[in-house]
Protein backbone atom coordinates (compact mmCIF):
# COMPACT_ATOMS: atom_id res chain seq x y z
CA MET A 1 54.33 -82.90 42.39
CA SER A 2 52.28 -81.55 39.46
CA LEU A 3 52.55 -83.35 36.17
CA LEU A 4 53.95 -81.43 33.21
CA ASP A 5 52.63 -81.77 29.68
CA LYS A 6 54.73 -81.86 26.49
CA ASP A 7 55.09 -78.05 26.69
CA GLY A 8 56.43 -78.26 30.24
CA ILE A 9 53.46 -76.61 32.01
CA THR A 10 51.20 -77.76 34.82
CA GLU A 11 47.43 -78.16 34.61
CA SER A 12 46.79 -74.94 36.57
CA GLU A 13 49.11 -73.02 34.21
CA PHE A 14 47.36 -74.56 31.21
CA LEU A 15 43.92 -73.50 32.50
CA GLU A 16 45.11 -69.95 33.20
CA GLN A 17 46.07 -69.44 29.57
CA TYR A 18 43.25 -71.49 28.01
CA ARG A 19 41.00 -69.42 25.71
CA PRO A 20 37.60 -71.03 24.99
CA GLY A 21 37.05 -68.56 22.16
CA ASP A 22 39.72 -70.32 20.11
CA TYR A 23 37.13 -72.96 19.31
CA GLU A 24 33.73 -72.40 17.75
CA ARG A 25 31.02 -73.49 20.18
CA PRO A 26 27.44 -74.48 19.38
CA SER A 27 24.33 -73.25 21.10
CA VAL A 28 22.45 -76.03 22.90
CA THR A 29 18.68 -76.40 23.14
CA THR A 30 16.25 -78.88 24.61
CA ASP A 31 13.26 -79.89 22.46
CA MET A 32 10.39 -81.62 24.20
CA VAL A 33 8.17 -84.30 22.65
CA ILE A 34 5.30 -84.26 25.13
CA PHE A 35 2.75 -87.03 24.65
CA THR A 36 -0.64 -87.47 26.28
CA VAL A 37 -3.74 -89.56 25.60
CA THR A 38 -7.11 -87.83 25.44
CA GLU A 39 -10.65 -88.99 24.90
CA GLU A 40 -13.08 -88.09 22.15
CA GLU A 41 -16.66 -87.50 23.16
CA ALA A 42 -18.70 -90.69 22.80
CA ASP A 43 -21.71 -90.64 20.47
CA SER A 44 -23.75 -92.45 23.10
CA TYR A 45 -23.59 -92.65 26.87
CA ARG A 46 -23.48 -96.43 26.45
CA LYS A 47 -20.41 -96.26 24.22
CA LEU A 48 -16.88 -96.00 25.59
CA PRO A 49 -15.09 -92.83 24.42
CA GLU A 50 -12.30 -93.33 21.89
CA LYS A 51 -8.76 -92.48 22.97
CA GLU A 52 -6.23 -90.50 20.92
CA LEU A 53 -2.46 -90.10 21.18
CA ARG A 54 -1.58 -86.40 21.07
CA VAL A 55 1.61 -84.34 21.02
CA LEU A 56 2.03 -80.76 22.19
CA LEU A 57 3.12 -78.15 19.64
CA ILE A 58 3.57 -74.38 19.81
CA ARG A 59 3.02 -71.89 17.03
CA ARG A 60 6.18 -69.84 16.74
CA GLY A 61 5.69 -66.16 17.49
CA GLY A 62 9.03 -65.00 16.09
CA HIS A 63 11.65 -65.72 13.43
CA PRO A 64 12.80 -68.17 12.22
CA PHE A 65 9.78 -70.16 11.03
CA LEU A 66 7.37 -67.45 12.14
CA GLY A 67 3.85 -68.87 12.36
CA LYS A 68 4.99 -72.49 11.95
CA TRP A 69 4.32 -75.19 14.52
CA ALA A 70 7.24 -76.52 16.56
CA LEU A 71 8.03 -78.64 19.58
CA PRO A 72 8.21 -76.73 22.86
CA GLY A 73 11.76 -76.08 23.97
CA GLY A 74 14.43 -73.47 24.41
CA PHE A 75 18.08 -72.72 24.92
CA VAL A 76 19.94 -74.28 27.82
CA ARG A 77 21.01 -71.63 30.31
CA PRO A 78 24.64 -71.34 31.49
CA ASP A 79 23.71 -72.41 35.02
CA GLU A 80 21.76 -75.58 34.21
CA THR A 81 22.16 -79.03 32.73
CA THR A 82 20.12 -80.22 29.76
CA ASP A 83 18.02 -82.33 32.15
CA GLN A 84 17.28 -79.26 34.27
CA ALA A 85 16.43 -77.24 31.16
CA ALA A 86 14.02 -79.97 30.03
CA VAL A 87 12.25 -80.00 33.40
CA ARG A 88 11.99 -76.20 33.32
CA GLU A 89 10.57 -76.14 29.79
CA LEU A 90 8.11 -78.89 30.65
CA ARG A 91 6.79 -76.99 33.67
CA GLU A 92 6.61 -73.72 31.73
CA GLU A 93 4.60 -75.27 28.89
CA THR A 94 2.29 -77.67 30.77
CA GLY A 95 2.22 -76.58 34.41
CA VAL A 96 3.44 -79.99 35.62
CA GLY A 97 6.86 -81.24 36.60
CA GLU A 98 6.98 -84.69 38.18
CA VAL A 99 6.15 -86.84 35.17
CA TYR A 100 7.90 -89.48 33.09
CA LEU A 101 10.81 -87.87 31.28
CA GLU A 102 13.65 -89.44 29.32
CA GLN A 103 16.35 -88.20 26.99
CA LEU A 104 15.81 -89.29 23.39
CA TYR A 105 18.73 -88.34 21.21
CA THR A 106 21.09 -85.48 20.36
CA PHE A 107 20.30 -83.95 16.97
CA SER A 108 23.27 -82.09 15.52
CA ASP A 109 22.88 -81.98 11.74
CA ILE A 110 24.61 -79.01 10.14
CA GLY A 111 22.06 -76.36 9.13
CA ARG A 112 19.20 -77.73 11.24
CA ASP A 113 18.69 -74.22 12.61
CA PRO A 114 19.11 -71.26 10.20
CA ARG A 115 20.28 -68.92 12.98
CA THR A 116 23.53 -70.58 13.94
CA TRP A 117 25.08 -73.90 14.89
CA VAL A 118 22.50 -75.36 17.27
CA ILE A 119 22.57 -78.81 18.85
CA SER A 120 19.28 -80.13 20.21
CA CYS A 121 19.19 -82.51 23.15
CA SER A 122 15.68 -83.92 22.78
CA TYR A 123 13.45 -85.39 25.48
CA MET A 124 10.22 -87.36 25.63
CA ALA A 125 7.65 -86.72 28.35
CA LEU A 126 4.48 -88.70 29.09
CA ILE A 127 1.65 -86.92 30.88
CA ASN A 128 -1.76 -87.94 32.16
CA SER A 129 -4.10 -85.47 30.46
CA ASP A 130 -5.98 -84.80 33.70
CA LYS A 131 -2.98 -82.87 35.03
CA LEU A 132 -2.46 -80.52 32.11
CA GLU A 133 -2.49 -76.74 32.12
CA LEU A 134 -1.29 -75.40 28.76
CA LYS A 135 0.88 -72.31 28.62
CA SER A 136 3.02 -70.60 25.97
CA GLY A 137 6.65 -69.53 26.28
CA ASP A 138 8.15 -66.21 25.19
CA ASP A 139 8.72 -67.31 21.59
CA ALA A 140 5.27 -68.88 21.13
CA SER A 141 2.00 -67.26 20.17
CA GLU A 142 -0.11 -70.30 21.17
CA ALA A 143 0.13 -73.92 22.27
CA ALA A 144 -2.13 -76.78 21.17
CA TRP A 145 -2.46 -80.55 21.18
CA PHE A 146 -2.30 -82.44 17.87
CA LYS A 147 -3.58 -85.95 17.22
CA VAL A 148 -0.71 -88.18 16.06
CA SER A 149 -0.70 -90.64 13.16
CA TYR A 150 2.56 -92.33 12.13
CA ARG A 151 2.30 -95.16 9.60
CA PRO A 152 4.68 -96.95 7.22
CA LEU A 153 4.37 -96.20 3.51
CA GLN A 154 6.95 -98.38 1.77
CA GLU A 155 10.07 -100.38 2.43
CA GLN A 156 13.03 -101.43 0.33
CA LYS A 157 16.07 -103.55 1.07
CA GLU A 158 19.41 -103.48 -0.71
CA LEU A 159 22.07 -106.12 -0.28
CA ILE A 160 25.63 -104.91 0.10
CA GLU A 161 28.93 -106.78 0.30
CA ASP A 162 28.91 -107.47 4.05
CA GLY A 163 25.28 -106.85 4.99
CA TYR A 164 22.24 -104.91 3.82
CA ILE A 165 20.59 -101.49 3.83
CA LYS A 166 16.90 -101.26 4.72
CA THR A 167 14.97 -98.03 4.09
CA ARG A 168 11.41 -97.52 5.28
CA LYS A 169 9.35 -94.37 4.68
CA TYR A 170 6.70 -93.22 7.15
CA GLU A 171 3.88 -90.73 6.89
CA LEU A 172 3.56 -88.44 9.92
CA GLU A 173 0.24 -86.62 10.25
CA LEU A 174 -0.64 -84.19 13.02
CA ASN A 175 -4.22 -82.96 13.27
CA GLY A 176 -5.18 -80.05 15.50
CA GLU A 177 -5.43 -76.33 14.88
CA GLU A 178 -4.20 -77.19 11.39
CA LYS A 179 -3.31 -80.37 9.52
CA LEU A 180 0.45 -80.88 9.41
CA SER A 181 2.26 -83.66 7.60
CA ALA A 182 5.71 -84.98 6.76
CA ILE A 183 7.36 -87.99 5.15
CA VAL A 184 10.27 -89.34 7.17
CA SER A 185 12.61 -92.09 6.06
CA ARG A 186 14.54 -94.37 8.38
CA THR A 187 17.57 -96.06 6.87
CA THR A 188 19.29 -98.86 8.75
CA THR A 189 22.64 -100.15 7.54
CA VAL A 190 23.48 -103.58 8.94
CA LYS A 191 26.99 -104.97 8.51
CA THR A 192 28.86 -107.84 10.04
CA THR A 193 30.43 -105.66 12.72
CA SER A 194 28.07 -102.68 13.02
CA THR A 195 24.53 -101.32 12.72
CA ALA A 196 23.69 -97.67 12.05
CA THR A 197 20.33 -95.91 11.68
CA GLU A 198 19.69 -92.52 10.09
CA TYR A 199 16.51 -90.46 9.80
CA GLU A 200 15.80 -88.02 6.98
CA ILE A 201 12.90 -85.67 6.29
CA VAL A 202 11.74 -86.38 2.73
CA SER A 203 8.94 -83.79 2.72
CA ASN A 204 7.50 -81.42 5.30
CA ASP A 205 4.37 -79.31 5.47
CA GLY A 206 3.94 -77.00 8.44
CA LEU A 207 6.56 -78.12 10.98
CA ALA A 208 9.52 -75.93 11.93
CA PHE A 209 13.19 -76.95 11.98
CA ASP A 210 13.78 -80.73 11.87
CA HIS A 211 11.03 -81.40 14.38
CA ALA A 212 9.27 -83.93 12.14
CA LYS A 213 12.35 -86.12 12.53
CA ILE A 214 12.40 -85.68 16.31
CA ILE A 215 8.71 -86.58 16.60
CA ALA A 216 9.22 -89.67 14.43
CA TYR A 217 12.14 -90.76 16.60
CA ALA A 218 10.04 -90.28 19.76
CA ILE A 219 7.09 -92.27 18.43
CA GLU A 220 9.32 -95.19 17.55
CA ARG A 221 10.97 -95.04 20.98
CA LEU A 222 7.58 -95.00 22.69
CA ARG A 223 6.25 -97.90 20.62
CA GLY A 224 9.35 -99.93 21.22
CA LYS A 225 9.30 -99.47 24.99
CA VAL A 226 5.56 -100.15 25.27
CA ASN A 227 6.28 -103.72 24.20
CA TYR A 228 8.69 -104.54 27.04
CA THR A 229 8.21 -101.98 29.87
CA ASP A 230 5.40 -100.37 31.88
CA ILE A 231 5.93 -97.01 30.14
CA ALA A 232 2.29 -96.78 28.96
CA LEU A 233 1.11 -96.59 32.56
CA HIS A 234 2.60 -93.10 32.79
CA LEU A 235 -0.16 -91.99 30.40
CA MET A 236 -2.86 -93.28 32.77
CA PRO A 237 -4.63 -91.65 35.73
CA LYS A 238 -4.13 -93.17 39.17
CA TYR A 239 -7.09 -95.53 38.73
CA PHE A 240 -8.20 -97.08 35.43
CA THR A 241 -9.96 -100.08 33.93
CA LEU A 242 -8.13 -102.72 31.95
CA THR A 243 -10.20 -101.77 28.92
CA GLU A 244 -8.98 -98.18 29.20
CA LEU A 245 -5.39 -99.39 29.50
CA GLN A 246 -5.80 -101.59 26.43
CA GLN A 247 -7.13 -98.61 24.49
CA VAL A 248 -3.98 -96.66 25.36
CA TYR A 249 -1.74 -99.51 24.19
CA GLU A 250 -3.70 -99.69 20.96
CA VAL A 251 -3.50 -95.98 20.14
CA VAL A 252 0.25 -95.94 20.86
CA LEU A 253 0.94 -99.06 18.78
CA ASP A 254 -1.70 -98.18 16.15
CA LYS A 255 -3.12 -101.69 16.10
CA GLU A 256 -5.83 -103.74 17.77
CA LEU A 257 -4.85 -106.21 20.49
CA LEU A 258 -6.53 -109.43 21.56
CA LYS A 259 -8.16 -108.93 24.95
CA ALA A 260 -6.99 -112.19 26.55
CA ALA A 261 -3.39 -111.85 25.34
CA PHE A 262 -3.25 -108.22 26.44
CA ARG A 263 -4.46 -109.02 29.94
CA ARG A 264 -1.82 -111.72 30.32
CA LYS A 265 0.80 -109.24 29.12
CA VAL A 266 -0.03 -106.59 31.74
CA ALA A 267 -0.91 -108.91 34.62
CA ASP A 268 2.35 -108.20 36.46
CA LEU A 269 2.25 -104.45 35.72
CA VAL A 270 -1.04 -103.63 37.45
CA GLU A 271 -2.88 -104.54 40.64
CA GLU A 272 -6.55 -104.64 41.54
CA THR A 273 -8.20 -102.10 43.81
CA ASP A 274 -11.50 -102.31 45.67
CA LEU A 275 -12.89 -99.49 43.51
CA TYR A 276 -15.31 -99.69 40.59
CA THR A 277 -16.44 -97.32 37.85
CA GLU A 278 -19.65 -95.42 38.38
CA ASN A 279 -20.57 -94.55 34.77
CA ALA A 280 -24.28 -94.43 34.07
CA GLY A 281 -25.27 -96.87 31.35
CA HIS A 282 -22.37 -99.27 31.95
CA ARG A 283 -21.98 -102.23 34.24
CA PRO A 284 -19.44 -101.22 36.92
CA SER A 285 -15.89 -102.27 36.04
CA ARG A 286 -13.10 -102.92 38.50
CA LEU A 287 -10.45 -100.23 38.71
CA TYR A 288 -6.73 -101.02 38.69
CA GLN A 289 -3.58 -99.10 39.49
CA ARG A 290 0.05 -99.33 38.54
CA HIS A 291 1.92 -102.03 40.44
CA LEU A 292 4.89 -100.56 42.26
CA GLU A 293 7.60 -103.06 43.08
CA ASP A 294 9.02 -103.10 46.60
């Protein structure tokens, strides 16, 4: 026997007369924060090349924000999930598909897109730079990698009746085809029974939409997870030295690490191989690989 609602109709009768157009519906996009680590050319063959954390941006080829740089992404199609849309966009922009990918956050601020009500389901991808093949989607005139710098500027703390509010401002700089910058604030309200965090773009020079906020969110997620997971290994090639791995940790965290402490930290994350480097001018170093648990 079918259940009747308060109007005396069954579920099938309700669905027959349901009109989705009675409710305003947002468009949904996926925006991709795609990180990789690249190497600068060394000044000397005896010197190890410096590593840099980079993020992929596209220069918009159409309105809105014509000519501005933005994260790669696009609208979710009616026949796919947001996860499927993210994988599609990733493959279209970089030529690779099976990489580390995780959902970041859903950005839904009113007015974040001047066209209409648009909700962005954002994702973070980590790619070994050896696998990359840059492409540009239909709404992009070019794609390029930008070196990432994200550093705190100032912090203030305000006591409230049942907790406190802490606000920290960060400077985001992206260097590539152009120099882009933004100031992003992160405000955390801590009360006895709850904690809430909000991001706000204080100033912005060159980035489209609210993408400075999304990039800031992704950097903080990446830095946080580097400290307690093996996420950094997804930025590495199959074989690597421990020195190369330490360099990647340092560029992600934006700080130097003590060699002995670092090696203790990653001891359970990597395993030795029988391979060694063959770089002229350097003593051969043992190569390691990611440790895969049984």
